[in-house]
C-alpha atoms as a PDB file:
ATOM      1  CA  UNK A   1      13.883 -23.353  -4.890  1.00  0.00           C
ATOM      2  CA  UNK A   2      10.641 -23.431  -2.896  1.00  0.00           C
ATOM      3  CA  UNK A   3       7.982 -20.711  -3.298  1.00  0.00           C
ATOM      4  CA  UNK A   4       9.150 -18.757  -0.287  1.00  0.00           C
ATOM      5  CA  UNK A   5      12.752 -18.694  -1.560  1.00  0.00           C
ATOM      6  CA  UNK A   6      11.562 -17.680  -5.007  1.00  0.00           C
ATOM      7  CA  UNK A   7       9.620 -14.760  -3.619  1.00  0.00           C
ATOM      8  CA  UNK A   8      12.662 -13.589  -1.607  1.00  0.00           C
ATOM      9  CA  UNK A   9      14.814 -13.869  -4.622  1.00  0.00           C
ATOM     10  CA  UNK A  10      12.366 -11.876  -6.764  1.00  0.00           C
ATOM     11  CA  UNK A  11      11.947  -9.288  -3.984  1.00  0.00           C
ATOM     12  CA  UNK A  12      15.814  -8.960  -3.868  1.00  0.00           C
ATOM     13  CA  UNK A  13      16.006  -8.434  -7.661  1.00  0.00           C
ATOM     14  CA  UNK A  14      13.114  -6.002  -7.782  1.00  0.00           C
ATOM     15  CA  UNK A  15      14.450  -3.794  -4.878  1.00  0.00           C
ATOM     16  CA  UNK A  16      18.149  -3.958  -5.472  1.00  0.00           C
ATOM     17  CA  UNK A  17      19.361  -0.445  -6.205  1.00  0.00           C
ATOM     18  CA  UNK A  18      16.258   1.210  -4.712  1.00  0.00           C
ATOM     19  CA  UNK A  19      15.956   2.963  -1.310  1.00  0.00           C
ATOM     20  CA  UNK A  20      13.653   0.055  -0.183  1.00  0.00           C
ATOM     21  CA  UNK A  21      16.354  -2.544  -0.394  1.00  0.00           C
ATOM     22  CA  UNK A  22      16.496  -2.694   3.331  1.00  0.00           C
ATOM     23  CA  UNK A  23      13.183  -4.494   3.377  1.00  0.00           C
ATOM     24  CA  UNK A  24      14.786  -7.583   1.706  1.00  0.00           C
ATOM     25  CA  UNK A  25      15.566 -10.464   4.267  1.00  0.00           C
ATOM     26  CA  UNK A  26      19.277 -10.009   4.706  1.00  0.00           C
ATOM     27  CA  UNK A  27      19.660 -13.872   5.243  1.00  0.00           C
ATOM     28  CA  UNK A  28      18.745 -14.284   1.451  1.00  0.00           C
ATOM     29  CA  UNK A  29      21.834 -12.125   0.507  1.00  0.00           C
ATOM     30  CA  UNK A  30      24.900 -13.995  -0.620  1.00  0.00           C
ATOM     31  CA  UNK A  31      27.514 -11.425  -1.399  1.00  0.00           C
ATOM     32  CA  UNK A  32      29.374  -9.012   0.842  1.00  0.00           C
ATOM     33  CA  UNK A  33      28.393  -6.176  -1.720  1.00  0.00           C
ATOM     34  CA  UNK A  34      24.741  -7.042  -1.465  1.00  0.00           C
ATOM     35  CA  UNK A  35      24.938  -7.012   2.404  1.00  0.00           C
ATOM     36  CA  UNK A  36      26.808  -3.535   2.235  1.00  0.00           C
ATOM     37  CA  UNK A  37      24.134  -2.157  -0.033  1.00  0.00           C
ATOM     38  CA  UNK A  38      21.427  -3.534   2.281  1.00  0.00           C
ATOM     39  CA  UNK A  39      23.050  -1.969   5.321  1.00  0.00           C
ATOM     40  CA  UNK A  40      23.472   1.316   3.407  1.00  0.00           C
ATOM     41  CA  UNK A  41      19.773   1.275   2.473  1.00  0.00           C
ATOM     42  CA  UNK A  42      18.823   0.534   6.041  1.00  0.00           C
ATOM     43  CA  UNK A  43      20.840   3.325   7.560  1.00  0.00           C
ATOM     44  CA  UNK A  44      19.679   5.884   5.008  1.00  0.00           C
ATOM     45  CA  UNK A  45      15.936   4.766   5.175  1.00  0.00           C
ATOM     46  CA  UNK A  46      14.957   6.798   8.209  1.00  0.00           C
ATOM     47  CA  UNK A  47      13.580   3.520   9.796  1.00  0.00           C
ATOM     48  CA  UNK A  48      14.088   2.797  13.439  1.00  0.00           C
ATOM     49  CA  UNK A  49      13.753  -0.153  15.790  1.00  0.00           C
ATOM     50  CA  UNK A  50      10.488   0.019  17.877  1.00  0.00           C
ATOM     51  CA  UNK A  51       8.319  -2.185  20.012  1.00  0.00           C
ATOM     52  CA  UNK A  52       4.657  -2.375  19.257  1.00  0.00           C
ATOM     53  CA  UNK A  53       1.980  -2.651  22.004  1.00  0.00           C
ATOM     54  CA  UNK A  54       1.496  -6.236  23.187  1.00  0.00           C
ATOM     55  CA  UNK A  55       4.829  -7.328  21.780  1.00  0.00           C
ATOM     56  CA  UNK A  56       8.200  -7.673  23.426  1.00  0.00           C
ATOM     57  CA  UNK A  57       9.924  -8.151  20.108  1.00  0.00           C
ATOM     58  CA  UNK A  58      11.769  -5.178  18.455  1.00  0.00           C
ATOM     59  CA  UNK A  59      10.767  -4.624  14.926  1.00  0.00           C
ATOM     60  CA  UNK A  60      11.877  -2.285  12.146  1.00  0.00           C
ATOM     61  CA  UNK A  61       9.483   0.683  11.861  1.00  0.00           C
ATOM     62  CA  UNK A  62       9.379   2.962   8.834  1.00  0.00           C
ATOM     63  CA  UNK A  63       9.306   6.601   9.809  1.00  0.00           C
ATOM     64  CA  UNK A  64       6.765   7.372   7.152  1.00  0.00           C
ATOM     65  CA  UNK A  65       4.390   5.365   5.038  1.00  0.00           C
ATOM     66  CA  UNK A  66       3.117   6.444   1.625  1.00  0.00           C
ATOM     67  CA  UNK A  67      -0.621   5.838   1.710  1.00  0.00           C
ATOM     68  CA  UNK A  68      -1.545   7.222  -1.792  1.00  0.00           C
ATOM     69  CA  UNK A  69      -0.328   9.408  -4.632  1.00  0.00           C
ATOM     70  CA  UNK A  70      -2.992  11.797  -6.099  1.00  0.00           C
ATOM     71  CA  UNK A  71      -2.011  14.081  -8.949  1.00  0.00           C
ATOM     72  CA  UNK A  72       1.573  14.470  -7.732  1.00  0.00           C
ATOM     73  CA  UNK A  73       0.529  14.857  -4.081  1.00  0.00           C
ATOM     74  CA  UNK A  74       1.803  12.211  -1.639  1.00  0.00           C
ATOM     75  CA  UNK A  75      -0.451  11.260   1.228  1.00  0.00           C
ATOM     76  CA  UNK A  76       1.775  10.102   4.097  1.00  0.00           C
ATOM     77  CA  UNK A  77       1.489   8.987   7.679  1.00  0.00           C
ATOM     78  CA  UNK A  78       4.457   9.323   9.997  1.00  0.00           C
ATOM     79  CA  UNK A  79       5.080   6.889  12.859  1.00  0.00           C
ATOM     80  CA  UNK A  80       6.440   9.199  15.397  1.00  0.00           C
ATOM     81  CA  UNK A  81       3.701  11.836  15.753  1.00  0.00           C
ATOM     82  CA  UNK A  82       1.940  14.292  18.013  1.00  0.00           C
ATOM     83  CA  UNK A  83      -1.692  15.091  18.617  1.00  0.00           C
ATOM     84  CA  UNK A  84      -4.136  15.165  17.055  1.00  0.00           C
ATOM     85  CA  UNK A  85      -4.012  12.105  14.699  1.00  0.00           C
ATOM     86  CA  UNK A  86      -3.423  13.375  11.195  1.00  0.00           C
ATOM     87  CA  UNK A  87      -1.920  12.752   7.803  1.00  0.00           C
ATOM     88  CA  UNK A  88       0.415  14.719   5.669  1.00  0.00           C
ATOM     89  CA  UNK A  89       0.138  15.933   2.151  1.00  0.00           C
ATOM     90  CA  UNK A  90       3.581  16.516   0.572  1.00  0.00           C
ATOM     91  CA  UNK A  91       4.701  17.761  -2.828  1.00  0.00           C
ATOM     92  CA  UNK A  92       7.445  19.986  -4.175  1.00  0.00           C
ATOM     93  CA  UNK A  93       6.248  23.194  -2.450  1.00  0.00           C
ATOM     94  CA  UNK A  94       3.710  21.618  -0.166  1.00  0.00           C
ATOM     95  CA  UNK A  95       3.805  20.316   3.292  1.00  0.00           C
ATOM     96  CA  UNK A  96       0.343  20.276   4.883  1.00  0.00           C
ATOM     97  CA  UNK A  97      -1.367  18.317   7.698  1.00  0.00           C
ATOM     98  CA  UNK A  98      -4.966  17.203   7.790  1.00  0.00           C
ATOM     99  CA  UNK A  99      -7.017  15.858  10.641  1.00  0.00           C
ATOM    100  CA  UNK A 100      -7.700  12.041  10.557  1.00  0.00           C
ATOM    101  CA  UNK A 101     -11.241  12.786  12.136  1.00  0.00           C
ATOM    102  CA  UNK A 102     -12.635  14.892   9.376  1.00  0.00           C
ATOM    103  CA  UNK A 103      -9.952  16.060   6.982  1.00  0.00           C
ATOM    104  CA  UNK A 104      -9.741  19.546   8.336  1.00  0.00           C
ATOM    105  CA  UNK A 105      -6.503  21.326   7.396  1.00  0.00           C
ATOM    106  CA  UNK A 106      -4.389  21.683  10.435  1.00  0.00           C
ATOM    107  CA  UNK A 107      -1.229  23.207   9.151  1.00  0.00           C
ATOM    108  CA  UNK A 108       0.294  24.309   5.874  1.00  0.00           C
ATOM    109  CA  UNK A 109      -1.081  25.735   2.627  1.00  0.00           C
ATOM    110  CA  UNK A 110      -2.533  24.234  -0.546  1.00  0.00           C
ATOM    111  CA  UNK A 111      -4.139  25.830  -3.520  1.00  0.00           C
ATOM    112  CA  UNK A 112      -8.025  25.646  -3.328  1.00  0.00           C
ATOM    113  CA  UNK A 113      -7.943  23.043  -6.121  1.00  0.00           C
ATOM    114  CA  UNK A 114      -5.465  20.904  -4.262  1.00  0.00           C
ATOM    115  CA  UNK A 115      -7.489  21.193  -1.071  1.00  0.00           C
ATOM    116  CA  UNK A 116     -10.673  20.191  -2.829  1.00  0.00           C
ATOM    117  CA  UNK A 117      -8.896  17.195  -4.388  1.00  0.00           C
ATOM    118  CA  UNK A 118      -7.669  15.998  -0.852  1.00  0.00           C
ATOM    119  CA  UNK A 119     -11.201  16.501   0.616  1.00  0.00           C
ATOM    120  CA  UNK A 120     -12.869  14.659  -2.215  1.00  0.00           C
ATOM    121  CA  UNK A 121     -10.356  11.667  -1.914  1.00  0.00           C
ATOM    122  CA  UNK A 122     -10.935  11.550   1.881  1.00  0.00           C
ATOM    123  CA  UNK A 123     -14.715  11.802   1.891  1.00  0.00           C
ATOM    124  CA  UNK A 124     -15.705  10.163  -1.529  1.00  0.00           C
ATOM    125  CA  UNK A 125     -13.076   7.557  -1.918  1.00  0.00           C
ATOM    126  CA  UNK A 126     -13.424   6.037   1.580  1.00  0.00           C
ATOM    127  CA  UNK A 127      -9.882   6.927   2.361  1.00  0.00           C
ATOM    128  CA  UNK A 128     -10.397   7.379   6.018  1.00  0.00           C
ATOM    129  CA  UNK A 129     -10.502   3.640   6.538  1.00  0.00           C
ATOM    130  CA  UNK A 130      -7.055   3.196   4.927  1.00  0.00           C
ATOM    131  CA  UNK A 131      -5.537   6.120   6.847  1.00  0.00           C
ATOM    132  CA  UNK A 132      -6.765   4.707  10.129  1.00  0.00           C
ATOM    133  CA  UNK A 133      -5.381   1.338   9.313  1.00  0.00           C
ATOM    134  CA  UNK A 134      -1.998   2.657   8.451  1.00  0.00           C
ATOM    135  CA  UNK A 135      -2.045   5.089  11.532  1.00  0.00           C
ATOM    136  CA  UNK A 136      -2.829   2.164  13.883  1.00  0.00           C
ATOM    137  CA  UNK A 137      -0.307  -0.140  12.248  1.00  0.00           C
ATOM    138  CA  UNK A 138       2.513   2.359  12.761  1.00  0.00           C
ATOM    139  CA  UNK A 139       2.037   3.200  16.437  1.00  0.00           C
ATOM    140  CA  UNK A 140       4.808   1.978  18.584  1.00  0.00           C
ATOM    141  CA  UNK A 141       5.066   1.979  22.332  1.00  0.00           C
ATOM    142  CA  UNK A 142       7.139   5.094  22.275  1.00  0.00           C
ATOM    143  CA  UNK A 143       4.662   7.043  20.221  1.00  0.00           C
ATOM    144  CA  UNK A 144       3.053   9.919  22.270  1.00  0.00           C
ATOM    145  CA  UNK A 145      -0.190   9.406  20.304  1.00  0.00           C
ATOM    146  CA  UNK A 146      -1.670   5.906  20.436  1.00  0.00           C
ATOM    147  CA  UNK A 147      -3.972   4.206  18.064  1.00  0.00           C
ATOM    148  CA  UNK A 148      -6.865   6.109  16.421  1.00  0.00           C
ATOM    149  CA  UNK A 149     -10.251   5.439  17.909  1.00  0.00           C
ATOM    150  CA  UNK A 150     -13.403   6.678  16.123  1.00  0.00           C
ATOM    151  CA  UNK A 151     -15.258   9.242  18.099  1.00  0.00           C
ATOM    152  CA  UNK A 152     -18.868   8.382  18.932  1.00  0.00           C
ATOM    153  CA  UNK A 153     -21.551  10.909  18.353  1.00  0.00           C
END
């Protein structure tokens, strides 16, 4: 088994039984049961087929990407979005949106402690760069908001 085949095999083993099994290359699956599980994972993933700018080839797009986990808070970016460019903070009783420009709370509620934690992460941990990279990577042709461009002063 070559290196590529081994990596696909290990990926299949590690992801089987998880909600991310759809990311495994289906051509590496041998049994009908594995193919059925792969299809079920794909259909329940929330992913969709999109075309990225500059490409004519349809690709699988995840509807949301987990950027970071901070003390039980998930930082996510969604692929089908509205203006302004933003990221989501999600937890059991939290669904808030923050501006990608400056981490201003756009929508939702957090405790002051949680809000401070997100702002610290954004400003002190150089998170904006990662957020922009994920935002731009997930913009398809049918997204009403294009890639993020840094505003000049």
